[in-house]
Amino acid sequence: MNIKRRAVLPVTAMAVVVVSSNYLVQFPINDWLTWGAFTYPAAFLVTDLTNRLVGPRMARGVAMVGFALAVVLSLWLADPRIAVASGSAFLCSQLLDITVFNRLRQRVWWLPPLVASTVASVLDTTVFFSLAFAGTGLPWLTWALGDLAVKLAFAVLLVAPFRAVVSLAETRRLAGVR
């Protein structure tokens, strides 16, 4: 299977996650959360799966293409300030996630996705909420704290699906299934 074809699923998944999150972040649940908090953590799962299964080079490519698609589509569906904040936060945090994951790649299987997602979530939340909402009068600090809490919870919860997908992919690869 060629590289372009292998990138279609993760690029599509990344664009869907980021665009839906940028749209949903405009709708607060309360002073602590927006709906976008529940969709965005999947971006780290996509990155970590791509990194584990295909490598950091492909993961960076998926992040770059996903970033470009997401920003363009988000400019159409969300406020331009949110699109710019999202693009900035996304690119920084995804590249950090890839670097941390890759450095921990040889450790016990759950450590790279858990640590990389945790560290990248802190950066993503800080950059996004400060750029998107600072000075607007909205409760962005509490939204950021609530969002970070959800991301950290998802970092733990998504370790199981990470393991399941990696195991399935390895089983298929060993069986010669493409």
Protein backbone atom coordinates (compact mmCIF):
# COMPACT_ATOMS: atom_id res chain seq x y z
CA MET A 1 0.00 0.00 0.00
CA ASN A 2 1.53 3.34 -0.97
CA ILE A 3 2.12 6.14 1.53
CA LYS A 4 -0.53 8.49 0.13
CA ARG A 5 -3.19 5.82 0.48
CA ARG A 6 -2.06 4.97 4.01
CA ALA A 7 -2.40 8.63 5.01
CA VAL A 8 -6.02 9.05 3.85
CA LEU A 9 -7.67 7.59 6.96
CA PRO A 10 -5.57 9.43 9.57
CA VAL A 11 -5.71 12.74 7.66
CA THR A 12 -9.48 12.44 7.29
CA ALA A 13 -9.90 11.48 10.95
CA MET A 14 -7.72 14.39 12.05
CA ALA A 15 -9.62 16.91 9.93
CA VAL A 16 -12.99 15.64 11.21
CA VAL A 17 -11.83 15.80 14.84
CA VAL A 18 -10.37 19.30 14.59
CA VAL A 19 -13.17 20.85 12.52
CA SER A 20 -15.89 19.38 14.74
CA SER A 21 -14.00 20.52 17.85
CA ASN A 22 -13.58 24.05 16.48
CA TYR A 23 -17.28 24.21 15.77
CA LEU A 24 -18.33 22.68 19.11
CA VAL A 25 -16.02 24.87 21.22
CA GLN A 26 -18.36 27.76 20.39
CA PHE A 27 -21.12 26.13 22.48
CA PRO A 28 -20.57 26.23 26.23
CA ILE A 29 -22.09 23.58 28.44
CA ASN A 30 -21.40 25.69 31.54
CA ASP A 31 -18.61 27.92 32.89
CA TRP A 32 -16.23 24.94 32.92
CA LEU A 33 -16.77 23.15 29.62
CA THR A 34 -17.65 23.54 25.99
CA TRP A 35 -18.80 20.67 23.76
CA GLY A 36 -15.45 20.75 21.95
CA ALA A 37 -13.76 19.32 25.03
CA PHE A 38 -15.25 15.93 24.27
CA THR A 39 -14.16 15.62 20.65
CA TYR A 40 -10.65 17.08 20.56
CA PRO A 41 -8.83 14.41 22.62
CA ALA A 42 -9.32 12.02 19.69
CA ALA A 43 -6.72 14.09 17.80
CA PHE A 44 -4.02 12.76 20.12
CA LEU A 45 -5.25 9.20 19.56
CA VAL A 46 -5.01 9.66 15.78
CA THR A 47 -1.49 11.07 16.09
CA ASP A 48 -0.29 8.37 18.46
CA LEU A 49 -1.73 5.54 16.37
CA THR A 50 -0.15 6.97 13.23
CA ASN A 51 3.17 7.37 15.04
CA ARG A 52 3.12 3.80 16.39
CA LEU A 53 1.89 2.09 13.22
CA VAL A 54 3.62 4.08 10.48
CA GLY A 55 6.25 6.20 12.23
CA PRO A 56 6.95 9.78 13.25
CA ARG A 57 7.53 11.01 9.70
CA MET A 58 4.02 9.97 8.64
CA ALA A 59 2.59 11.31 11.90
CA ARG A 60 4.15 14.72 11.21
CA GLY A 61 2.77 14.62 7.66
CA VAL A 62 -0.71 13.78 8.97
CA ALA A 63 -0.44 16.63 11.47
CA MET A 64 0.61 19.08 8.74
CA VAL A 65 -2.09 18.08 6.27
CA GLY A 66 -4.69 17.77 9.02
CA PHE A 67 -3.69 21.23 10.24
CA ALA A 68 -4.10 22.80 6.79
CA LEU A 69 -7.44 21.13 6.11
CA ALA A 70 -8.75 21.91 9.56
CA VAL A 71 -7.81 25.59 9.46
CA VAL A 72 -9.39 26.11 6.03
CA LEU A 73 -12.58 24.28 7.01
CA SER A 74 -12.67 25.92 10.44
CA LEU A 75 -12.52 29.38 8.88
CA TRP A 76 -15.78 28.44 7.20
CA LEU A 77 -17.49 26.88 10.27
CA ALA A 78 -16.06 28.84 13.19
CA ASP A 79 -14.97 32.32 14.18
CA PRO A 80 -11.64 33.26 12.52
CA ARG A 81 -10.05 33.83 15.93
CA ILE A 82 -10.95 30.26 16.91
CA ALA A 83 -9.57 28.91 13.63
CA VAL A 84 -6.24 30.73 14.09
CA ALA A 85 -5.99 29.78 17.78
CA SER A 86 -6.81 26.19 16.94
CA GLY A 87 -4.26 26.01 14.15
CA SER A 88 -1.53 27.43 16.36
CA ALA A 89 -2.34 25.19 19.32
CA PHE A 90 -2.86 22.13 17.12
CA LEU A 91 0.43 22.36 15.27
CA CYS A 92 2.53 23.03 18.40
CA SER A 93 0.85 20.34 20.49
CA GLN A 94 0.76 17.67 17.79
CA LEU A 95 4.45 18.12 16.98
CA LEU A 96 5.24 17.94 20.71
CA ASP A 97 3.09 14.81 21.03
CA ILE A 98 4.97 13.16 18.15
CA THR A 99 8.37 14.04 19.62
CA VAL A 100 7.55 12.85 23.14
CA PHE A 101 5.88 9.67 21.86
CA ASN A 102 8.85 8.85 19.66
CA ARG A 103 11.32 9.35 22.52
CA LEU A 104 9.31 6.92 24.65
CA ARG A 105 8.60 4.48 21.79
CA GLN A 106 10.72 1.64 23.23
CA ARG A 107 9.16 1.78 26.70
CA VAL A 108 6.17 -0.20 27.97
CA TRP A 109 3.33 0.09 25.39
CA TRP A 110 1.03 2.42 27.38
CA LEU A 111 3.65 4.99 28.38
CA PRO A 112 4.22 6.76 25.01
CA PRO A 113 0.55 7.56 24.28
CA LEU A 114 -0.24 8.47 27.89
CA VAL A 115 2.73 10.77 28.49
CA ALA A 116 2.73 12.31 25.00
CA SER A 117 -1.01 13.07 25.13
CA THR A 118 -0.73 14.51 28.65
CA VAL A 119 2.17 16.85 27.87
CA ALA A 120 0.69 17.91 24.53
CA SER A 121 -2.73 18.52 26.12
CA VAL A 122 -1.27 21.05 28.54
CA LEU A 123 0.39 22.96 25.68
CA ASP A 124 -2.67 22.73 23.43
CA THR A 125 -5.04 23.98 26.12
CA THR A 126 -2.79 26.87 27.13
CA VAL A 127 -2.20 28.10 23.58
CA PHE A 128 -5.74 27.58 22.30
CA PHE A 129 -7.76 29.14 25.11
CA SER A 130 -5.44 32.11 25.61
CA LEU A 131 -5.47 32.96 21.88
CA ALA A 132 -9.13 32.15 21.23
CA PHE A 133 -10.81 33.74 24.23
CA ALA A 134 -8.48 35.98 26.28
CA GLY A 135 -9.90 39.49 26.51
CA THR A 136 -13.38 38.47 25.33
CA GLY A 137 -15.08 38.58 28.73
CA LEU A 138 -15.93 34.89 28.41
CA PRO A 139 -14.93 32.47 31.22
CA TRP A 140 -11.96 31.17 29.25
CA LEU A 141 -9.80 30.30 32.25
CA THR A 142 -12.42 27.95 33.67
CA TRP A 143 -13.12 26.60 30.18
CA ALA A 144 -9.39 25.91 29.84
CA LEU A 145 -9.27 24.10 33.19
CA GLY A 146 -12.36 22.06 32.38
CA ASP A 147 -11.05 21.27 28.90
CA LEU A 148 -7.68 20.18 30.30
CA ALA A 149 -9.39 17.93 32.85
CA VAL A 150 -11.36 16.24 30.06
CA LYS A 151 -8.23 15.86 27.90
CA LEU A 152 -6.33 14.29 30.79
CA ALA A 153 -9.19 11.90 31.51
CA PHE A 154 -9.34 10.95 27.83
CA ALA A 155 -5.55 10.45 27.76
CA VAL A 156 -6.11 7.66 30.30
CA LEU A 157 -9.31 6.30 28.72
CA LEU A 158 -7.93 6.21 25.16
CA VAL A 159 -4.99 4.00 26.12
CA ALA A 160 -7.26 0.94 25.81
CA PRO A 161 -8.49 1.73 22.25
CA PHE A 162 -4.88 2.59 21.34
CA ARG A 163 -3.77 -0.87 22.45
CA ALA A 164 -6.68 -2.58 20.69
CA VAL A 165 -6.05 -0.87 17.34
CA VAL A 166 -2.29 -1.48 17.52
CA SER A 167 -2.86 -5.15 18.37
CA LEU A 168 -5.34 -5.54 15.52
CA ALA A 169 -2.98 -3.86 13.06
CA GLU A 170 -0.07 -6.05 14.17
CA THR A 171 -2.20 -9.19 13.88
CA ARG A 172 -3.31 -8.20 10.37
CA ARG A 173 0.26 -7.38 9.37
CA LEU A 174 1.53 -10.74 10.60
CA ALA A 175 -1.31 -12.48 8.74
CA GLY A 176 -0.41 -10.61 5.55
CA VAL A 177 -3.75 -8.76 5.40
CA ARG A 178 -3.61 -5.23 3.96
